Amino acid sequence: MQLLGILLNMGKGSAQGSSNFSLIFMGAMILVFWLFMIRPQAKKAKQQKAFISDLKKGDKVITIAGIHGTINKVNEDGTLSLEVSPGSYLKIEKSTVSMEMSAALNKPAVESKA
């Protein structure tokens, strides 16, 4: 906190130096905000969109509501027919499928070394 105060007080001698420093400081803040907030969210949204477009019949999925099932049919209107138990089907939106929980469900079991 004191370092910021010292840096801000350095340019008080000349108005031009102070405005240049403020401009650089504001640019650095915007860059940090973009790197840590906006970029990761955009990357995750892109992965989610690719995951949803790759869903196919037979995939085991979990919805964001916690419903487990197997995809029976992928409809053209953005919905899925999900078999939750033998002979029982639900029609759900593709966007309700959780990428993280479904990936954890489908990952191969790790062999333990005894």
C-alpha atoms as a PDB file:
ATOM      1  CA  MET A   1       0.000   0.000   0.000  1.00  0.00           C
ATOM      2  CA  GLN A   2       2.859   2.376   0.840  1.00  0.00           C
ATOM      3  CA  LEU A   3       4.611   1.506  -2.418  1.00  0.00           C
ATOM      4  CA  LEU A   4       1.582   2.639  -4.393  1.00  0.00           C
ATOM      5  CA  GLY A   5       1.523   5.931  -2.463  1.00  0.00           C
ATOM      6  CA  ILE A   6       5.233   6.481  -3.106  1.00  0.00           C
ATOM      7  CA  LEU A   7       4.817   5.767  -6.818  1.00  0.00           C
ATOM      8  CA  LEU A   8       1.853   8.118  -7.087  1.00  0.00           C
ATOM      9  CA  ASN A   9       3.717  10.891  -5.237  1.00  0.00           C
ATOM     10  CA  MET A  10       6.792  10.565  -7.499  1.00  0.00           C
ATOM     11  CA  GLY A  11       5.131  12.373 -10.375  1.00  0.00           C
ATOM     12  CA  LYS A  12       3.836  15.391  -8.388  1.00  0.00           C
ATOM     13  CA  GLY A  13       6.714  17.529  -9.567  1.00  0.00           C
ATOM     14  CA  SER A  14       5.502  17.637 -13.146  1.00  0.00           C
ATOM     15  CA  ALA A  15       1.957  17.260 -14.416  1.00  0.00           C
ATOM     16  CA  GLN A  16       3.110  15.469 -17.578  1.00  0.00           C
ATOM     17  CA  GLY A  17       4.936  12.726 -15.657  1.00  0.00           C
ATOM     18  CA  SER A  18       1.955  12.141 -13.416  1.00  0.00           C
ATOM     19  CA  SER A  19      -0.487  11.804 -16.308  1.00  0.00           C
ATOM     20  CA  ASN A  20       1.832   9.405 -18.135  1.00  0.00           C
ATOM     21  CA  PHE A  21       2.190   7.256 -15.033  1.00  0.00           C
ATOM     22  CA  SER A  22      -1.576   7.243 -14.470  1.00  0.00           C
ATOM     23  CA  LEU A  23      -2.161   6.195 -18.063  1.00  0.00           C
ATOM     24  CA  ILE A  24       0.383   3.366 -17.819  1.00  0.00           C
ATOM     25  CA  PHE A  25      -1.005   2.266 -14.452  1.00  0.00           C
ATOM     26  CA  MET A  26      -4.579   2.190 -15.820  1.00  0.00           C
ATOM     27  CA  GLY A  27      -3.440   0.187 -18.844  1.00  0.00           C
ATOM     28  CA  ALA A  28      -1.669  -2.323 -16.597  1.00  0.00           C
ATOM     29  CA  MET A  29      -4.794  -2.716 -14.463  1.00  0.00           C
ATOM     30  CA  ILE A  30      -6.926  -3.398 -17.543  1.00  0.00           C
ATOM     31  CA  LEU A  31      -4.393  -5.951 -18.797  1.00  0.00           C
ATOM     32  CA  VAL A  32      -4.323  -7.783 -15.456  1.00  0.00           C
ATOM     33  CA  PHE A  33      -8.120  -7.773 -15.299  1.00  0.00           C
ATOM     34  CA  TRP A  34      -8.315  -9.237 -18.808  1.00  0.00           C
ATOM     35  CA  LEU A  35      -5.680 -11.919 -18.091  1.00  0.00           C
ATOM     36  CA  PHE A  36      -7.212 -13.130 -14.836  1.00  0.00           C
ATOM     37  CA  MET A  37     -10.948 -12.627 -15.360  1.00  0.00           C
ATOM     38  CA  ILE A  38     -12.125 -12.407 -18.965  1.00  0.00           C
ATOM     39  CA  ARG A  39      -9.722 -14.759 -20.757  1.00  0.00           C
ATOM     40  CA  PRO A  40     -10.289 -17.827 -18.498  1.00  0.00           C
ATOM     41  CA  GLN A  41     -14.076 -17.412 -18.700  1.00  0.00           C
ATOM     42  CA  ALA A  42     -13.978 -17.207 -22.488  1.00  0.00           C
ATOM     43  CA  LYS A  43     -11.760 -20.305 -22.630  1.00  0.00           C
ATOM     44  CA  LYS A  44     -14.125 -22.260 -20.376  1.00  0.00           C
ATOM     45  CA  ALA A  45     -17.161 -21.175 -22.414  1.00  0.00           C
ATOM     46  CA  LYS A  46     -15.444 -22.385 -25.581  1.00  0.00           C
ATOM     47  CA  GLN A  47     -14.702 -25.783 -23.968  1.00  0.00           C
ATOM     48  CA  GLN A  48     -18.323 -26.100 -22.755  1.00  0.00           C
ATOM     49  CA  LYS A  49     -19.641 -25.327 -26.251  1.00  0.00           C
ATOM     50  CA  ALA A  50     -17.340 -27.948 -27.805  1.00  0.00           C
ATOM     51  CA  PHE A  51     -18.378 -30.497 -25.150  1.00  0.00           C
ATOM     52  CA  ILE A  52     -22.086 -29.940 -25.807  1.00  0.00           C
ATOM     53  CA  SER A  53     -21.670 -30.172 -29.584  1.00  0.00           C
ATOM     54  CA  ASP A  54     -19.780 -33.491 -29.209  1.00  0.00           C
ATOM     55  CA  LEU A  55     -22.518 -35.258 -27.208  1.00  0.00           C
ATOM     56  CA  LYS A  56     -23.694 -38.457 -28.880  1.00  0.00           C
ATOM     57  CA  LYS A  57     -25.889 -41.473 -28.243  1.00  0.00           C
ATOM     58  CA  GLY A  58     -24.549 -43.742 -25.507  1.00  0.00           C
ATOM     59  CA  ASP A  59     -22.640 -41.050 -23.581  1.00  0.00           C
ATOM     60  CA  LYS A  60     -23.109 -41.164 -19.819  1.00  0.00           C
ATOM     61  CA  VAL A  61     -23.842 -37.677 -18.481  1.00  0.00           C
ATOM     62  CA  ILE A  62     -24.849 -35.815 -15.346  1.00  0.00           C
ATOM     63  CA  THR A  63     -27.029 -32.719 -15.540  1.00  0.00           C
ATOM     64  CA  ILE A  64     -26.466 -29.597 -13.464  1.00  0.00           C
ATOM     65  CA  ALA A  65     -29.468 -30.725 -11.390  1.00  0.00           C
ATOM     66  CA  GLY A  66     -27.665 -33.976 -10.547  1.00  0.00           C
ATOM     67  CA  ILE A  67     -29.661 -36.335 -12.800  1.00  0.00           C
ATOM     68  CA  HIS A  68     -27.546 -39.261 -14.024  1.00  0.00           C
ATOM     69  CA  GLY A  69     -28.357 -40.941 -17.300  1.00  0.00           C
ATOM     70  CA  THR A  70     -27.317 -42.183 -20.721  1.00  0.00           C
ATOM     71  CA  ILE A  71     -28.056 -40.251 -23.894  1.00  0.00           C
ATOM     72  CA  ASN A  72     -30.618 -42.161 -25.947  1.00  0.00           C
ATOM     73  CA  LYS A  73     -31.183 -39.631 -28.737  1.00  0.00           C
ATOM     74  CA  VAL A  74     -29.760 -36.250 -29.752  1.00  0.00           C
ATOM     75  CA  ASN A  75     -32.540 -34.080 -31.194  1.00  0.00           C
ATOM     76  CA  GLU A  76     -32.047 -31.296 -33.737  1.00  0.00           C
ATOM     77  CA  ASP A  77     -33.865 -28.713 -31.585  1.00  0.00           C
ATOM     78  CA  GLY A  78     -31.082 -28.578 -28.968  1.00  0.00           C
ATOM     79  CA  THR A  79     -32.527 -31.256 -26.693  1.00  0.00           C
ATOM     80  CA  LEU A  80     -31.512 -34.746 -25.622  1.00  0.00           C
ATOM     81  CA  SER A  81     -33.498 -37.827 -24.768  1.00  0.00           C
ATOM     82  CA  LEU A  82     -31.887 -39.071 -21.567  1.00  0.00           C
ATOM     83  CA  GLU A  83     -32.477 -42.605 -20.265  1.00  0.00           C
ATOM     84  CA  VAL A  84     -32.376 -42.355 -16.475  1.00  0.00           C
ATOM     85  CA  SER A  85     -33.418 -45.952 -15.805  1.00  0.00           C
ATOM     86  CA  PRO A  86     -34.318 -48.798 -18.185  1.00  0.00           C
ATOM     87  CA  GLY A  87     -37.411 -47.679 -20.073  1.00  0.00           C
ATOM     88  CA  SER A  88     -37.614 -44.245 -18.407  1.00  0.00           C
ATOM     89  CA  TYR A  89     -36.694 -41.233 -20.569  1.00  0.00           C
ATOM     90  CA  LEU A  90     -36.414 -37.496 -19.941  1.00  0.00           C
ATOM     91  CA  LYS A  91     -36.237 -34.771 -22.561  1.00  0.00           C
ATOM     92  CA  ILE A  92     -33.685 -32.153 -21.461  1.00  0.00           C
ATOM     93  CA  GLU A  93     -31.826 -29.209 -22.973  1.00  0.00           C
ATOM     94  CA  LYS A  94     -28.237 -29.832 -24.069  1.00  0.00           C
ATOM     95  CA  SER A  95     -27.107 -26.834 -22.025  1.00  0.00           C
ATOM     96  CA  THR A  96     -28.135 -28.559 -18.771  1.00  0.00           C
ATOM     97  CA  VAL A  97     -25.407 -31.197 -19.091  1.00  0.00           C
ATOM     98  CA  SER A  98     -22.507 -30.514 -16.709  1.00  0.00           C
ATOM     99  CA  MET A  99     -19.127 -30.766 -18.394  1.00  0.00           C
ATOM    100  CA  GLU A 100     -17.143 -31.192 -15.155  1.00  0.00           C
ATOM    101  CA  MET A 101     -19.356 -33.818 -13.517  1.00  0.00           C
ATOM    102  CA  SER A 102     -19.799 -35.790 -16.756  1.00  0.00           C
ATOM    103  CA  ALA A 103     -16.041 -35.807 -17.354  1.00  0.00           C
ATOM    104  CA  ALA A 104     -15.470 -37.116 -13.816  1.00  0.00           C
ATOM    105  CA  LEU A 105     -18.083 -39.828 -14.414  1.00  0.00           C
ATOM    106  CA  ASN A 106     -16.490 -40.984 -17.677  1.00  0.00           C
ATOM    107  CA  LYS A 107     -12.810 -40.861 -16.710  1.00  0.00           C
ATOM    108  CA  PRO A 108     -11.137 -44.276 -16.622  1.00  0.00           C
ATOM    109  CA  ALA A 109     -10.515 -45.870 -13.250  1.00  0.00           C
ATOM    110  CA  VAL A 110      -6.939 -45.560 -12.035  1.00  0.00           C
ATOM    111  CA  GLU A 111      -5.226 -48.836 -11.251  1.00  0.00           C
ATOM    112  CA  SER A 112      -3.722 -48.885  -7.777  1.00  0.00           C
ATOM    113  CA  LYS A 113      -0.209 -50.266  -7.380  1.00  0.00           C
ATOM    114  CA  ALA A 114      -0.173 -52.616  -4.433  1.00  0.00           C
END
